[in-house]
Amino acid sequence: AVVSTQSTGAINPYARLPIYTKEVIMSYRGKRRTEMPPHIYTVADESYQQMIQQRENQSILITGESGAGKTENTKKVIQYFASICGVEAKATDGSHLDEQLVRCNPVLECFGNAKTIKNDNSSRFGKFIRIHFGAQGKIHSADIERYLLEKARVTYQNPDERSFHIFYQMLKGMSEAELQECLLTNKPQNYALLSNGDVTVDSINDPELFQETKQCMEVLNFSQELQSKIFKFSAGILHLGNTEMKPNKRDEGCSVVDPQCIEKACHMFGINAVDMTKAIIKPRIKVGSEYVHKGQNANQAKHSIHALCKSIFEKIFKLVLDMCNETLETKLRKNFFIGVLDIAGFEIFDFNSFEQLCINLTNEKIQQFFNHHMFTLEQEEYRKEGIKWDFIDFGLDL
C-alpha cells in the first residue's frame, strides 16, 4: 500500500463545531489541498483521489496523545467516504453498507472505550479500518482489525476513571425487566469490578447511549438473541467479579464467601455453578502425562477470577467485532482499499497496565515513523539537492 506523506494537524476544541455538515463535505469534494482551508476532509479526499488516479491502495495514519481527537477524526473520515463514494451493495434488510459502516463506531466504542483522566471517551484498543472500493470508486465492503485491547481495565481502574462504557450503559439504560433478567441493580457501586463506583461524566448520557448501541446493533444484523447473550455475559462478568474467597482453617485452600455471586454469574453464562467453583478453587492441571487437581489459596483464586473476567470480556469484544465484519463483508470484487489507523492514545498514569505500556510503545514507534518520513527523508532530499541546511537529529529508532 502507498502511505501518503502529506500531513494535517488538528486540535481538539472540546466543543461541537458546525464544520462537519453535509454542505461542508460537498465543498471539499474534489478540491486541491491549496484551494480550501485545512480540514480532515482534505486528507480523506486527497487519499481517495490518489487511489482513483494512481490505482493504488492508500493509508491514513491518525495519531496523537489521549484526548487529541483521534477517534473523532476517524469517524469523520469514514463519514466523508460514506457520503461521497456511494455504495453498490445493499443489505438484505434494506440497510445500506455506508450506513452500517458508520454504525459500527458506536458499538465498538461501547465495548472498547472508557473514561480516563484525560479523555471521557478514550479508545482502549487500536483499530485498522479497511474500506474496500470497486473499480469505479464505490464502496464495496469493509473490515476492521483490532489491536491491544486494554483488558486490565475490566478488573481495575485508576481513581476518577471508569471501566468500559458497556457496563455503565447497561446499569443505567436497561429497563427494570432487563435488569431483572440479568440479575442486576442500577447502582455501579454494587459491583467490585467497577472499583470507583458511580463516576459521573457530564459529557456522557449512559441511558441514551445504551439505546443508540442497541439500535446500531440492529442495523448491523445482531439478532435479539445474540444481543441478549452479549448483555448477559457482560452482566456475568460483574457478578463473577463480586465473588469473594476466604482461606480454609484446616488447610491452605480456600472457599467461596457467598455462593450467590458465582451462582448468578454461572446462570448468565449458562453453566453449572458447582463445576465453576471447583475449577476456581482446585483447577485441573496436567503434570507429565496425568491430570491432577491443584489447590489454590484465596489470593490465587481471586487472581484466577480476574483473569477469567478479562478473558471473557475479550471474547465478547471479539464476537462483537466479528459480527461487524460479517455484516460489512460482501461478494463484490475488491479492487483497492483505503486504510485508516486509529491507535489508542499515549497516556502516563500513576499505575500503568501492561497494555498501556504496549500502547505507549506503539505510539512512540508511530511518531518515529512520522518523523522519519516527514523530516529525516526530507532532509536527505535537501542534501542531494545541495541546499544549505542545519541538519536536525530526530533521535535513534527504538
Protein backbone atom coordinates (compact mmCIF):
# COMPACT_ATOMS: atom_id res chain seq x y z
CA ALA A 1 0.00 0.00 0.00
CA VAL A 2 1.10 3.57 -0.64
CA VAL A 3 1.24 5.67 2.53
CA SER A 4 0.62 9.35 1.83
CA THR A 5 3.35 11.59 3.24
CA GLN A 6 1.01 14.60 3.44
CA SER A 7 0.14 15.68 6.99
CA THR A 8 -2.51 17.78 8.68
CA GLY A 9 -2.51 18.88 12.32
CA ALA A 10 -5.71 19.05 14.36
CA ILE A 11 -6.56 20.41 17.81
CA ASN A 12 -9.46 19.11 19.87
CA PRO A 13 -11.71 22.15 20.61
CA TYR A 14 -13.72 20.13 23.19
CA ALA A 15 -16.88 21.53 21.57
CA ARG A 16 -19.23 20.62 18.72
CA LEU A 17 -18.46 22.89 15.77
CA PRO A 18 -20.61 23.20 12.60
CA ILE A 19 -17.76 22.15 10.30
CA TYR A 20 -18.78 18.55 9.60
CA THR A 21 -22.12 19.06 7.87
CA LYS A 22 -23.19 17.62 4.50
CA GLU A 23 -22.61 21.04 2.91
CA VAL A 24 -19.04 21.19 4.24
CA ILE A 25 -18.38 17.65 2.99
CA MET A 26 -19.51 18.55 -0.54
CA SER A 27 -17.45 21.77 -0.52
CA TYR A 28 -14.25 19.73 -0.07
CA ARG A 29 -15.07 17.11 -2.66
CA GLY A 30 -12.51 17.00 -5.48
CA LYS A 31 -10.71 20.15 -4.29
CA ARG A 32 -6.95 20.53 -4.11
CA ARG A 33 -5.26 21.00 -0.77
CA THR A 34 -4.40 24.64 -1.59
CA GLU A 35 -7.95 25.53 -2.60
CA MET A 36 -9.59 25.00 0.80
CA PRO A 37 -8.74 25.63 4.48
CA PRO A 38 -7.03 22.70 6.29
CA HIS A 39 -9.55 20.02 7.28
CA ILE A 40 -9.71 16.28 7.92
CA TYR A 41 -11.89 16.11 4.80
CA THR A 42 -8.91 17.38 2.76
CA VAL A 43 -6.85 14.39 3.88
CA ALA A 44 -9.73 11.98 3.16
CA ASP A 45 -10.45 13.43 -0.29
CA GLU A 46 -6.79 13.51 -1.25
CA SER A 47 -6.34 9.84 -0.36
CA TYR A 48 -9.48 8.97 -2.33
CA GLN A 49 -8.34 10.94 -5.41
CA GLN A 50 -4.87 9.37 -5.28
CA MET A 51 -6.42 5.90 -5.06
CA ILE A 52 -8.58 6.58 -8.13
CA GLN A 53 -5.83 8.22 -10.18
CA GLN A 54 -2.87 6.03 -9.22
CA ARG A 55 -4.90 2.80 -8.82
CA GLU A 56 -3.04 2.14 -5.58
CA ASN A 57 -4.12 1.42 -2.02
CA GLN A 58 -3.83 4.32 0.43
CA SER A 59 -3.43 4.63 4.21
CA ILE A 60 -4.33 7.38 6.65
CA LEU A 61 -2.47 7.37 9.97
CA ILE A 62 -4.25 9.18 12.82
CA THR A 63 -2.03 9.58 15.87
CA GLY A 64 -1.71 11.76 18.97
CA GLU A 65 -1.94 11.65 22.74
CA SER A 66 -5.11 10.65 24.56
CA GLY A 67 -7.84 13.24 24.06
CA ALA A 68 -6.30 14.70 20.90
CA GLY A 69 -9.34 13.68 18.84
CA LYS A 70 -8.11 10.57 17.00
CA THR A 71 -11.33 8.58 17.28
CA GLU A 72 -13.49 11.57 16.30
CA ASN A 73 -11.30 12.24 13.25
CA THR A 74 -11.51 8.57 12.29
CA LYS A 75 -15.31 8.82 12.38
CA LYS A 76 -15.19 11.96 10.20
CA VAL A 77 -13.00 10.20 7.62
CA ILE A 78 -15.48 7.31 7.43
CA GLN A 79 -18.38 9.77 7.28
CA TYR A 80 -16.69 11.51 4.33
CA PHE A 81 -16.19 8.32 2.33
CA ALA A 82 -19.71 7.12 3.12
CA SER A 83 -21.12 10.46 1.91
CA ILE A 84 -19.21 10.99 -1.34
CA CYS A 85 -18.38 7.50 -2.61
CA GLY A 86 -21.75 5.77 -2.68
CA VAL A 87 -22.23 2.02 -2.46
CA GLU A 88 -23.05 -0.82 -4.80
CA ALA A 89 -24.10 -3.19 -2.02
CA LYS A 90 -27.31 -3.31 -0.02
CA ALA A 91 -28.08 -5.50 2.99
CA THR A 92 -30.93 -7.98 2.93
CA ASP A 93 -32.88 -5.85 5.43
CA GLY A 94 -32.64 -2.82 3.15
CA SER A 95 -29.83 -1.09 5.07
CA HIS A 96 -27.06 0.47 3.03
CA LEU A 97 -23.46 -0.57 3.56
CA ASP A 98 -22.41 3.05 4.12
CA GLU A 99 -24.90 3.36 6.99
CA GLN A 100 -23.69 0.08 8.52
CA LEU A 101 -20.09 1.25 8.26
CA VAL A 102 -20.90 4.42 10.20
CA ARG A 103 -22.98 2.48 12.77
CA CYS A 104 -20.01 0.23 13.67
CA ASN A 105 -18.38 3.04 15.64
CA PRO A 106 -20.95 3.43 18.46
CA VAL A 107 -20.98 -0.35 19.02
CA LEU A 108 -17.18 -0.67 19.13
CA GLU A 109 -16.90 2.41 21.34
CA CYS A 110 -19.42 0.91 23.77
CA PHE A 111 -17.28 -2.21 24.29
CA GLY A 112 -13.82 -0.73 23.66
CA ASN A 113 -13.86 2.83 25.04
CA ALA A 114 -13.76 4.17 28.59
CA LYS A 115 -13.37 7.36 30.59
CA THR A 116 -9.77 8.09 31.56
CA ILE A 117 -8.29 11.06 33.42
CA LYS A 118 -7.60 12.91 30.16
CA ASN A 119 -10.48 11.78 27.97
CA ASP A 120 -14.14 10.96 28.60
CA ASN A 121 -14.29 8.65 25.58
CA SER A 122 -10.81 7.19 25.26
CA SER A 123 -10.28 4.27 22.87
CA ARG A 124 -8.79 1.45 24.90
CA PHE A 125 -7.92 -0.51 21.76
CA GLY A 126 -6.43 0.26 18.37
CA LYS A 127 -8.17 -0.41 15.09
CA PHE A 128 -7.25 -0.51 11.41
CA ILE A 129 -10.28 0.03 9.19
CA ARG A 130 -10.01 -1.04 5.56
CA ILE A 131 -12.66 0.43 3.26
CA HIS A 132 -12.67 -1.55 0.02
CA PHE A 133 -13.63 0.10 -3.26
CA GLY A 134 -14.59 -1.17 -6.70
CA ALA A 135 -13.03 -0.09 -9.99
CA GLN A 136 -15.46 2.85 -10.23
CA GLY A 137 -14.59 4.15 -6.77
CA LYS A 138 -17.72 3.00 -4.95
CA ILE A 139 -17.59 1.29 -1.56
CA HIS A 140 -17.83 -2.49 -1.98
CA SER A 141 -17.10 -3.70 1.56
CA ALA A 142 -15.07 -3.01 4.69
CA ASP A 143 -13.30 -4.82 7.50
CA ILE A 144 -11.88 -3.85 10.88
CA GLU A 145 -8.79 -5.23 12.55
CA ARG A 146 -8.17 -4.52 16.23
CA TYR A 147 -5.04 -4.29 18.37
CA LEU A 148 -4.13 -4.11 22.07
CA LEU A 149 -7.47 -4.22 23.90
CA GLU A 150 -6.77 -2.96 27.43
CA LYS A 151 -8.23 -5.96 29.24
CA ALA A 152 -6.74 -4.89 32.58
CA ARG A 153 -9.38 -2.14 32.75
CA VAL A 154 -12.05 -4.80 33.31
CA THR A 155 -10.74 -5.54 36.81
CA TYR A 156 -9.00 -2.27 37.80
CA GLN A 157 -9.39 1.43 37.08
CA ASN A 158 -7.29 4.34 38.33
CA PRO A 159 -9.06 6.91 40.58
CA ASP A 160 -11.69 9.04 38.75
CA GLU A 161 -11.72 6.62 35.81
CA ARG A 162 -14.34 4.17 34.58
CA SER A 163 -14.33 0.69 33.16
CA PHE A 164 -15.65 0.11 29.63
CA HIS A 165 -18.82 2.04 28.74
CA ILE A 166 -20.95 -1.09 28.24
CA PHE A 167 -21.20 -1.82 31.98
CA TYR A 168 -22.50 1.66 32.87
CA GLN A 169 -24.79 1.80 29.83
CA MET A 170 -26.40 -1.48 30.89
CA LEU A 171 -26.84 -0.48 34.54
CA LYS A 172 -28.23 2.99 33.71
CA GLY A 173 -30.02 2.23 30.43
CA MET A 174 -31.73 -1.12 30.92
CA SER A 175 -35.41 -1.32 31.80
CA GLU A 176 -36.48 -2.91 35.10
CA ALA A 177 -37.36 -6.12 33.26
CA GLU A 178 -33.96 -6.23 31.51
CA LEU A 179 -32.13 -5.62 34.79
CA GLN A 180 -34.08 -8.43 36.47
CA GLU A 181 -33.32 -10.76 33.58
CA CYS A 182 -29.60 -10.07 34.07
CA LEU A 183 -29.96 -10.15 37.89
CA LEU A 184 -28.52 -6.61 38.07
CA THR A 185 -29.25 -3.43 40.02
CA ASN A 186 -28.86 0.07 38.56
CA LYS A 187 -26.08 1.02 41.01
CA PRO A 188 -22.46 0.67 39.74
CA GLN A 189 -21.17 0.86 43.31
CA ASN A 190 -22.67 -2.59 43.95
CA TYR A 191 -20.05 -4.21 41.70
CA ALA A 192 -16.45 -4.70 42.79
CA LEU A 193 -15.05 -4.57 39.24
CA LEU A 194 -16.34 -1.01 38.87
CA SER A 195 -13.84 -0.03 41.53
CA ASN A 196 -14.62 3.71 41.55
CA GLY A 197 -18.38 3.20 41.78
CA ASP A 198 -20.76 5.59 40.05
CA VAL A 199 -18.36 8.01 38.33
CA THR A 200 -20.44 10.88 36.92
CA VAL A 201 -19.37 12.13 33.48
CA ASP A 202 -21.15 15.28 32.30
CA SER A 203 -20.46 14.58 28.63
CA ILE A 204 -21.85 11.02 28.71
CA ASN A 205 -25.55 10.13 28.84
CA ASP A 206 -25.46 6.39 29.50
CA PRO A 207 -29.21 5.67 29.06
CA GLU A 208 -29.31 7.42 25.66
CA LEU A 209 -26.09 5.76 24.52
CA PHE A 210 -27.38 2.33 25.50
CA GLN A 211 -30.45 2.81 23.29
CA GLU A 212 -28.18 4.01 20.47
CA THR A 213 -25.97 0.94 20.94
CA LYS A 214 -28.98 -1.38 20.59
CA GLN A 215 -30.24 0.49 17.51
CA CYS A 216 -26.80 0.22 15.88
CA MET A 217 -26.67 -3.49 16.69
CA GLU A 218 -29.98 -3.97 14.89
CA VAL A 219 -28.68 -2.12 11.80
CA LEU A 220 -25.59 -4.38 11.92
CA ASN A 221 -27.81 -7.51 11.93
CA PHE A 222 -27.26 -8.50 15.58
CA SER A 223 -30.26 -10.71 16.33
CA GLN A 224 -32.25 -10.10 19.54
CA GLU A 225 -30.98 -13.45 20.83
CA LEU A 226 -27.35 -12.51 20.20
CA GLN A 227 -27.82 -9.10 21.83
CA SER A 228 -29.35 -10.78 24.88
CA LYS A 229 -26.42 -13.20 25.15
CA ILE A 230 -23.86 -10.39 24.87
CA PHE A 231 -25.56 -8.39 27.62
CA LYS A 232 -25.96 -11.48 29.84
CA PHE A 233 -22.30 -12.40 29.51
CA SER A 234 -21.34 -8.79 30.32
CA ALA A 235 -23.59 -8.99 33.40
CA GLY A 236 -21.99 -12.34 34.28
CA ILE A 237 -18.59 -10.65 34.41
CA LEU A 238 -19.89 -8.15 37.01
CA HIS A 239 -21.37 -10.96 39.12
CA LEU A 240 -18.21 -13.05 38.88
CA GLY A 241 -16.14 -10.06 39.97
CA ASN A 242 -18.20 -9.84 43.17
CA THR A 243 -17.14 -13.36 44.19
CA GLU A 244 -15.03 -13.22 47.37
CA MET A 245 -12.81 -16.01 48.66
CA LYS A 246 -11.85 -16.91 52.25
CA PRO A 247 -8.98 -19.14 53.45
CA ASN A 248 -9.77 -22.54 54.91
CA LYS A 249 -8.93 -23.08 58.57
CA ARG A 250 -7.67 -26.66 58.18
CA ASP A 251 -5.56 -26.39 55.04
CA GLU A 252 -4.02 -23.84 52.63
CA GLY A 253 -7.02 -23.95 50.32
CA CYS A 254 -9.98 -21.59 50.16
CA SER A 255 -13.75 -21.45 49.73
CA VAL A 256 -16.36 -19.03 48.39
CA VAL A 257 -17.70 -16.49 50.91
CA ASP A 258 -21.11 -16.03 49.25
CA PRO A 259 -22.07 -18.67 46.64
CA GLN A 260 -24.84 -16.38 45.31
CA CYS A 261 -22.41 -14.24 43.29
CA ILE A 262 -20.87 -17.16 41.42
CA GLU A 263 -24.31 -18.75 41.01
CA LYS A 264 -25.61 -15.56 39.35
CA ALA A 265 -22.56 -15.45 37.07
CA CYS A 266 -22.97 -19.08 36.05
CA HIS A 267 -26.68 -18.53 35.41
CA MET A 268 -25.72 -15.76 32.97
CA PHE A 269 -23.07 -17.97 31.33
CA GLY A 270 -25.39 -20.98 31.18
CA ILE A 271 -23.02 -23.32 33.04
CA ASN A 272 -23.02 -25.32 36.29
CA ALA A 273 -22.04 -23.27 39.35
CA VAL A 274 -20.60 -26.27 41.24
CA ASP A 275 -18.28 -27.14 38.36
CA MET A 276 -17.18 -23.49 38.04
CA THR A 277 -16.43 -23.26 41.78
CA LYS A 278 -14.32 -26.43 41.65
CA ALA A 279 -12.42 -25.13 38.61
CA ILE A 280 -11.53 -21.93 40.51
CA ILE A 281 -10.70 -23.46 43.89
CA LYS A 282 -8.99 -26.63 42.61
CA PRO A 283 -8.11 -26.18 38.91
CA ARG A 284 -7.26 -29.27 36.89
CA ILE A 285 -3.71 -29.15 35.53
CA LYS A 286 -1.54 -31.55 33.56
CA VAL A 287 1.53 -32.99 35.30
CA GLY A 288 3.56 -35.20 32.99
CA SER A 289 1.05 -37.47 31.31
CA GLU A 290 -1.60 -37.22 34.05
CA TYR A 291 -4.14 -34.61 35.16
CA VAL A 292 -4.31 -33.60 38.82
CA HIS A 293 -6.30 -31.06 40.84
CA LYS A 294 -4.17 -28.27 42.31
CA GLY A 295 -5.42 -26.48 45.41
CA GLN A 296 -5.31 -22.67 45.44
CA ASN A 297 -5.26 -20.18 48.29
CA ALA A 298 -7.71 -17.24 48.42
CA ASN A 299 -5.30 -14.88 46.69
CA GLN A 300 -4.61 -17.25 43.82
CA ALA A 301 -8.32 -17.99 43.38
CA LYS A 302 -9.09 -14.25 43.20
CA HIS A 303 -6.41 -13.80 40.53
CA SER A 304 -7.98 -16.68 38.60
CA ILE A 305 -11.39 -14.99 38.78
CA HIS A 306 -9.94 -11.71 37.48
CA ALA A 307 -8.11 -13.50 34.67
CA LEU A 308 -11.35 -15.24 33.74
CA CYS A 309 -13.27 -11.92 33.71
CA LYS A 310 -10.70 -10.33 31.41
CA SER A 311 -10.67 -13.35 29.08
CA ILE A 312 -14.47 -13.46 28.82
CA PHE A 313 -14.65 -9.73 28.09
CA GLU A 314 -12.03 -10.06 25.34
CA LYS A 315 -14.10 -12.84 23.74
CA ILE A 316 -17.23 -10.68 23.92
CA PHE A 317 -15.34 -7.84 22.21
CA LYS A 318 -14.05 -10.24 19.53
CA LEU A 319 -17.59 -11.55 18.95
CA VAL A 320 -18.92 -8.00 18.51
CA LEU A 321 -16.09 -7.14 16.10
CA ASP A 322 -16.52 -10.38 14.12
CA MET A 323 -20.23 -9.66 13.76
CA CYS A 324 -19.48 -6.16 12.46
CA ASN A 325 -17.02 -7.59 9.92
CA GLU A 326 -19.51 -10.25 8.85
CA THR A 327 -22.12 -7.56 8.17
CA LEU A 328 -19.66 -5.34 6.26
CA GLU A 329 -18.49 -8.22 4.04
CA THR A 330 -20.00 -8.55 0.54
CA LYS A 331 -19.32 -10.71 -2.52
CA LEU A 332 -18.41 -7.70 -4.66
CA ARG A 333 -14.87 -7.50 -6.03
CA LYS A 334 -12.32 -5.51 -4.01
CA ASN A 335 -10.05 -3.53 -6.32
CA PHE A 336 -8.48 -1.07 -3.87
CA PHE A 337 -8.74 -0.04 -0.25
CA ILE A 338 -8.11 2.99 1.93
CA GLY A 339 -6.88 2.04 5.39
CA VAL A 340 -7.45 4.23 8.45
CA LEU A 341 -5.33 3.51 11.53
CA ASP A 342 -6.68 4.77 14.87
CA ILE A 343 -4.43 3.64 17.69
CA ALA A 344 -5.20 4.06 21.40
CA GLY A 345 -3.83 7.25 22.96
CA PHE A 346 -0.49 7.78 24.72
CA GLU A 347 -1.04 8.19 28.48
CA ILE A 348 1.16 8.01 31.57
CA PHE A 349 -0.72 7.07 34.74
CA ASP A 350 0.42 6.67 38.34
CA PHE A 351 -0.16 2.96 37.73
CA ASN A 352 0.28 1.76 34.13
CA SER A 353 -1.10 -1.57 32.96
CA PHE A 354 0.92 -3.81 30.65
CA GLU A 355 -1.50 -2.97 27.83
CA GLN A 356 -0.96 0.79 28.38
CA LEU A 357 2.82 0.30 28.18
CA CYS A 358 2.32 -1.54 24.88
CA ILE A 359 0.08 1.31 23.65
CA ASN A 360 2.73 3.88 24.60
CA LEU A 361 5.47 1.91 22.83
CA THR A 362 3.29 1.66 19.71
CA ASN A 363 2.67 5.41 19.76
CA GLU A 364 6.40 6.06 20.08
CA LYS A 365 7.08 3.83 17.07
CA ILE A 366 4.38 5.59 15.05
CA GLN A 367 5.82 9.00 16.00
CA GLN A 368 9.25 7.88 14.83
CA PHE A 369 7.74 6.61 11.58
CA PHE A 370 6.19 10.04 11.12
CA ASN A 371 9.47 11.85 11.92
CA HIS A 372 11.39 9.61 9.53
CA HIS A 373 9.05 10.11 6.58
CA MET A 374 8.22 13.79 7.16
CA PHE A 375 11.57 15.18 8.35
CA THR A 376 14.52 12.78 8.04
CA LEU A 377 13.83 11.83 4.39
CA GLU A 378 13.06 15.48 3.58
CA GLN A 379 16.48 16.47 4.91
CA GLU A 380 18.00 13.80 2.69
CA GLU A 381 16.39 15.49 -0.30
CA TYR A 382 17.91 18.82 0.80
CA ARG A 383 21.36 17.18 0.97
CA LYS A 384 21.01 15.65 -2.50
CA GLU A 385 19.95 18.98 -3.98
CA GLY A 386 22.81 20.83 -2.27
CA ILE A 387 20.59 23.07 -0.18
CA LYS A 388 22.30 24.67 2.81
CA TRP A 389 20.56 23.33 5.89
CA ASP A 390 21.34 22.79 9.58
CA PHE A 391 20.55 19.11 9.93
CA ILE A 392 18.38 18.14 12.90
CA ASP A 393 18.83 14.83 14.74
CA PHE A 394 15.39 13.32 15.44
CA GLY A 395 16.79 10.54 17.60
CA LEU A 396 17.57 6.87 17.14
CA ASP A 397 14.96 4.25 16.30
CA LEU A 398 13.57 2.27 19.23
